[in-house]
Amino acid sequence: MSLKHWKILNSKYLYKRNGMAVRVDQCETHNGDIFDPYVIESKDWVNVIALTKKREVVLVRQYRHGVGEVLLEITAGIMDEEDESPQQTAQRELLEETGYSSEHFIEVGKVYPNPATHTNMTHAFLALDVEKVGQQSLDETEEIEIFLDLYIVRLAT
């Protein structure tokens, strides 16, 4: 079997702002079915698992409007125009959200988080031996609490 791309018959933007867009495409599948999937265009994201020298995980707690919940998460963020690389984004986001930093960032993988509806990739990083070097520098919509937690994390030495 040879997989085929869908034919885009029409495309319409519903929203464009701050580096994100939502569009609806009218598509024809390989068997002639017509349907209208939504696509979210976004810049790439990063996720950071940050471990202190004591192997505490640096976690952030914040309100997430998409699910309407206050969640405990790892540091994450979207690439800005001035970021030269996903690693630079990871370093910036960790510092801005938590005040922690490190010289040891390891990219552990990258994936399309939801390729059915999103265009971006997510780059995952492990930051080792992070230390508190400053204060949070949050956006106007961010309110973030920082937690250190001793998860069962064992790294080969």
C-alpha atoms as a PDB file:
ATOM      1  CA  MET A   1       0.000   0.000   0.000  1.00  0.00           C
ATOM      2  CA  SER A   2       1.279   3.456  -0.864  1.00  0.00           C
ATOM      3  CA  LEU A   3       0.221   6.193   1.549  1.00  0.00           C
ATOM      4  CA  LYS A   4      -0.882   9.398  -0.113  1.00  0.00           C
ATOM      5  CA  HIS A   5      -1.093  13.010   0.998  1.00  0.00           C
ATOM      6  CA  TRP A   6      -4.504  14.564   1.228  1.00  0.00           C
ATOM      7  CA  LYS A   7      -5.360  17.156  -1.371  1.00  0.00           C
ATOM      8  CA  ILE A   8      -6.069  20.597   0.136  1.00  0.00           C
ATOM      9  CA  LEU A   9      -9.017  22.084  -1.736  1.00  0.00           C
ATOM     10  CA  ASN A  10      -9.313  25.260   0.330  1.00  0.00           C
ATOM     11  CA  SER A  11      -7.674  26.804   3.392  1.00  0.00           C
ATOM     12  CA  LYS A  12      -9.012  29.588   5.625  1.00  0.00           C
ATOM     13  CA  TYR A  13      -7.398  31.259   8.650  1.00  0.00           C
ATOM     14  CA  LEU A  14      -9.714  31.718  11.631  1.00  0.00           C
ATOM     15  CA  TYR A  15      -7.124  33.318  13.927  1.00  0.00           C
ATOM     16  CA  LYS A  16      -3.597  34.760  13.612  1.00  0.00           C
ATOM     17  CA  ARG A  17      -1.833  36.422  16.535  1.00  0.00           C
ATOM     18  CA  ASN A  18       1.412  36.327  18.513  1.00  0.00           C
ATOM     19  CA  GLY A  19       3.060  33.691  16.341  1.00  0.00           C
ATOM     20  CA  MET A  20       0.109  31.312  16.459  1.00  0.00           C
ATOM     21  CA  ALA A  21      -2.590  30.652  13.888  1.00  0.00           C
ATOM     22  CA  VAL A  22      -5.650  28.459  13.596  1.00  0.00           C
ATOM     23  CA  ARG A  23      -6.857  27.477  10.174  1.00  0.00           C
ATOM     24  CA  VAL A  24      -9.411  25.124   8.704  1.00  0.00           C
ATOM     25  CA  ASP A  25      -8.496  23.171   5.588  1.00  0.00           C
ATOM     26  CA  GLN A  26     -10.980  21.552   3.263  1.00  0.00           C
ATOM     27  CA  CYS A  27      -9.288  18.265   2.336  1.00  0.00           C
ATOM     28  CA  GLU A  28      -9.935  15.377   0.007  1.00  0.00           C
ATOM     29  CA  THR A  29      -8.590  12.018   1.180  1.00  0.00           C
ATOM     30  CA  HIS A  30      -7.146   9.292  -1.038  1.00  0.00           C
ATOM     31  CA  ASN A  31     -10.588   7.653  -1.294  1.00  0.00           C
ATOM     32  CA  GLY A  32     -12.424  10.873  -2.214  1.00  0.00           C
ATOM     33  CA  ASP A  33     -13.884  11.766   1.198  1.00  0.00           C
ATOM     34  CA  ILE A  34     -14.073  15.505   1.881  1.00  0.00           C
ATOM     35  CA  PHE A  35     -13.705  16.909   5.389  1.00  0.00           C
ATOM     36  CA  ASP A  36     -12.542  20.054   7.212  1.00  0.00           C
ATOM     37  CA  PRO A  37      -9.768  19.477   9.800  1.00  0.00           C
ATOM     38  CA  TYR A  38      -8.529  22.299  12.022  1.00  0.00           C
ATOM     39  CA  VAL A  39      -4.775  22.992  12.133  1.00  0.00           C
ATOM     40  CA  ILE A  40      -2.961  24.932  14.841  1.00  0.00           C
ATOM     41  CA  GLU A  41       0.203  26.555  13.525  1.00  0.00           C
ATOM     42  CA  SER A  42       2.704  27.273  16.275  1.00  0.00           C
ATOM     43  CA  LYS A  43       6.397  27.805  16.858  1.00  0.00           C
ATOM     44  CA  ASP A  44       8.333  24.924  18.371  1.00  0.00           C
ATOM     45  CA  TRP A  45       8.086  24.268  22.120  1.00  0.00           C
ATOM     46  CA  VAL A  46      10.577  23.045  24.704  1.00  0.00           C
ATOM     47  CA  ASN A  47      10.160  20.972  27.873  1.00  0.00           C
ATOM     48  CA  VAL A  48      12.833  20.941  30.585  1.00  0.00           C
ATOM     49  CA  ILE A  49      13.334  18.321  33.272  1.00  0.00           C
ATOM     50  CA  ALA A  50      15.588  20.217  35.689  1.00  0.00           C
ATOM     51  CA  LEU A  51      17.461  18.369  38.430  1.00  0.00           C
ATOM     52  CA  THR A  52      19.385  19.978  41.284  1.00  0.00           C
ATOM     53  CA  LYS A  53      22.652  18.510  42.603  1.00  0.00           C
ATOM     54  CA  LYS A  54      20.520  16.670  45.200  1.00  0.00           C
ATOM     55  CA  ARG A  55      18.467  15.239  42.281  1.00  0.00           C
ATOM     56  CA  GLU A  56      15.412  17.264  43.214  1.00  0.00           C
ATOM     57  CA  VAL A  57      13.137  17.952  40.270  1.00  0.00           C
ATOM     58  CA  VAL A  58      12.312  21.637  39.800  1.00  0.00           C
ATOM     59  CA  LEU A  59       8.571  21.823  39.158  1.00  0.00           C
ATOM     60  CA  VAL A  60       6.213  24.703  38.444  1.00  0.00           C
ATOM     61  CA  ARG A  61       2.586  25.011  39.503  1.00  0.00           C
ATOM     62  CA  GLN A  62       0.304  27.275  37.493  1.00  0.00           C
ATOM     63  CA  TYR A  63      -3.204  27.723  36.132  1.00  0.00           C
ATOM     64  CA  ARG A  64      -3.711  26.260  32.644  1.00  0.00           C
ATOM     65  CA  HIS A  65      -6.745  27.707  30.922  1.00  0.00           C
ATOM     66  CA  GLY A  66      -7.027  25.004  28.244  1.00  0.00           C
ATOM     67  CA  VAL A  67      -7.973  22.407  30.865  1.00  0.00           C
ATOM     68  CA  GLY A  68      -9.229  24.896  33.469  1.00  0.00           C
ATOM     69  CA  GLU A  69      -6.954  23.485  36.179  1.00  0.00           C
ATOM     70  CA  VAL A  70      -3.983  24.440  38.339  1.00  0.00           C
ATOM     71  CA  LEU A  71      -1.309  21.896  37.375  1.00  0.00           C
ATOM     72  CA  LEU A  72       2.099  20.773  38.610  1.00  0.00           C
ATOM     73  CA  GLU A  73       4.433  20.612  35.594  1.00  0.00           C
ATOM     74  CA  ILE A  74       7.983  20.701  34.377  1.00  0.00           C
ATOM     75  CA  THR A  75       9.247  23.957  32.880  1.00  0.00           C
ATOM     76  CA  ALA A  76       8.065  24.478  29.308  1.00  0.00           C
ATOM     77  CA  GLY A  77       7.714  27.239  26.778  1.00  0.00           C
ATOM     78  CA  ILE A  78       7.543  28.377  23.204  1.00  0.00           C
ATOM     79  CA  MET A  79      10.509  29.493  21.099  1.00  0.00           C
ATOM     80  CA  ASP A  80      10.798  33.258  20.728  1.00  0.00           C
ATOM     81  CA  GLU A  81      12.025  34.964  17.546  1.00  0.00           C
ATOM     82  CA  GLU A  82      15.308  35.928  19.249  1.00  0.00           C
ATOM     83  CA  ASP A  83      16.053  32.364  20.405  1.00  0.00           C
ATOM     84  CA  GLU A  84      18.825  30.900  18.256  1.00  0.00           C
ATOM     85  CA  SER A  85      18.111  27.271  19.156  1.00  0.00           C
ATOM     86  CA  PRO A  86      15.770  25.050  21.162  1.00  0.00           C
ATOM     87  CA  GLN A  87      18.478  24.761  23.825  1.00  0.00           C
ATOM     88  CA  GLN A  88      18.626  28.542  24.183  1.00  0.00           C
ATOM     89  CA  THR A  89      14.847  28.520  24.620  1.00  0.00           C
ATOM     90  CA  ALA A  90      15.132  25.816  27.282  1.00  0.00           C
ATOM     91  CA  GLN A  91      17.758  27.824  29.174  1.00  0.00           C
ATOM     92  CA  ARG A  92      15.701  31.028  28.920  1.00  0.00           C
ATOM     93  CA  GLU A  93      12.427  29.405  29.988  1.00  0.00           C
ATOM     94  CA  LEU A  94      14.000  27.658  32.995  1.00  0.00           C
ATOM     95  CA  LEU A  95      15.551  30.927  34.182  1.00  0.00           C
ATOM     96  CA  GLU A  96      12.413  33.025  33.557  1.00  0.00           C
ATOM     97  CA  GLU A  97       9.955  30.598  35.163  1.00  0.00           C
ATOM     98  CA  THR A  98      12.057  29.423  38.110  1.00  0.00           C
ATOM     99  CA  GLY A  99      15.205  31.517  38.565  1.00  0.00           C
ATOM    100  CA  TYR A 100      17.252  28.310  38.117  1.00  0.00           C
ATOM    101  CA  SER A 101      20.027  27.769  35.584  1.00  0.00           C
ATOM    102  CA  SER A 102      22.673  25.237  34.591  1.00  0.00           C
ATOM    103  CA  GLU A 103      25.611  24.766  32.258  1.00  0.00           C
ATOM    104  CA  HIS A 104      24.524  21.177  31.548  1.00  0.00           C
ATOM    105  CA  PHE A 105      21.592  20.899  29.124  1.00  0.00           C
ATOM    106  CA  ILE A 106      21.134  17.646  27.222  1.00  0.00           C
ATOM    107  CA  GLU A 107      18.584  17.344  24.411  1.00  0.00           C
ATOM    108  CA  VAL A 108      16.922  13.976  24.991  1.00  0.00           C
ATOM    109  CA  GLY A 109      14.565  13.989  22.036  1.00  0.00           C
ATOM    110  CA  LYS A 110      12.074  15.805  19.880  1.00  0.00           C
ATOM    111  CA  VAL A 111       8.586  14.858  18.766  1.00  0.00           C
ATOM    112  CA  TYR A 112       5.533  16.288  17.095  1.00  0.00           C
ATOM    113  CA  PRO A 113       3.234  16.551  20.171  1.00  0.00           C
ATOM    114  CA  ASN A 114       0.013  16.231  18.169  1.00  0.00           C
ATOM    115  CA  PRO A 115       0.735  15.902  14.428  1.00  0.00           C
ATOM    116  CA  ALA A 116      -2.934  15.441  13.620  1.00  0.00           C
ATOM    117  CA  THR A 117      -3.692  19.051  14.515  1.00  0.00           C
ATOM    118  CA  HIS A 118      -0.448  20.931  15.343  1.00  0.00           C
ATOM    119  CA  THR A 119       2.490  21.948  13.124  1.00  0.00           C
ATOM    120  CA  ASN A 120       5.150  22.369  15.813  1.00  0.00           C
ATOM    121  CA  MET A 121       7.775  20.117  17.377  1.00  0.00           C
ATOM    122  CA  THR A 122       8.514  19.739  21.082  1.00  0.00           C
ATOM    123  CA  HIS A 123      12.172  19.517  22.089  1.00  0.00           C
ATOM    124  CA  ALA A 124      12.848  17.804  25.432  1.00  0.00           C
ATOM    125  CA  PHE A 125      15.858  18.691  27.578  1.00  0.00           C
ATOM    126  CA  LEU A 126      17.421  17.370  30.743  1.00  0.00           C
ATOM    127  CA  ALA A 127      19.159  20.082  32.784  1.00  0.00           C
ATOM    128  CA  LEU A 128      21.588  18.718  35.366  1.00  0.00           C
ATOM    129  CA  ASP A 129      22.949  20.349  38.534  1.00  0.00           C
ATOM    130  CA  VAL A 130      20.638  23.348  38.274  1.00  0.00           C
ATOM    131  CA  GLU A 131      21.096  26.091  40.840  1.00  0.00           C
ATOM    132  CA  LYS A 132      18.995  29.072  41.902  1.00  0.00           C
ATOM    133  CA  VAL A 133      20.772  32.061  40.319  1.00  0.00           C
ATOM    134  CA  GLY A 134      18.059  34.702  40.210  1.00  0.00           C
ATOM    135  CA  GLN A 135      14.414  35.587  40.542  1.00  0.00           C
ATOM    136  CA  GLN A 136      11.518  34.663  38.296  1.00  0.00           C
ATOM    137  CA  SER A 137      10.846  36.954  35.335  1.00  0.00           C
ATOM    138  CA  LEU A 138       7.238  36.160  34.463  1.00  0.00           C
ATOM    139  CA  ASP A 139       4.981  37.383  31.678  1.00  0.00           C
ATOM    140  CA  GLU A 140       1.943  39.448  32.674  1.00  0.00           C
ATOM    141  CA  THR A 141      -0.364  36.410  32.400  1.00  0.00           C
ATOM    142  CA  GLU A 142       1.905  34.062  34.378  1.00  0.00           C
ATOM    143  CA  GLU A 143       1.605  33.296  38.065  1.00  0.00           C
ATOM    144  CA  ILE A 144       3.953  30.417  38.897  1.00  0.00           C
ATOM    145  CA  GLU A 145       4.845  28.683  42.154  1.00  0.00           C
ATOM    146  CA  ILE A 146       8.100  26.689  42.291  1.00  0.00           C
ATOM    147  CA  PHE A 147       8.408  23.280  43.954  1.00  0.00           C
ATOM    148  CA  LEU A 148      11.399  21.027  44.518  1.00  0.00           C
ATOM    149  CA  ASP A 149      10.462  17.385  44.722  1.00  0.00           C
ATOM    150  CA  LEU A 150      12.545  14.273  45.305  1.00  0.00           C
ATOM    151  CA  TYR A 151      11.208  11.944  42.679  1.00  0.00           C
ATOM    152  CA  ILE A 152      12.799   8.557  42.309  1.00  0.00           C
ATOM    153  CA  VAL A 153      15.429   9.651  39.845  1.00  0.00           C
ATOM    154  CA  ARG A 154      18.582   7.581  39.520  1.00  0.00           C
ATOM    155  CA  LEU A 155      21.158   8.516  36.911  1.00  0.00           C
ATOM    156  CA  ALA A 156      24.055   6.252  36.062  1.00  0.00           C
ATOM    157  CA  THR A 157      27.335   7.706  37.283  1.00  0.00           C
END
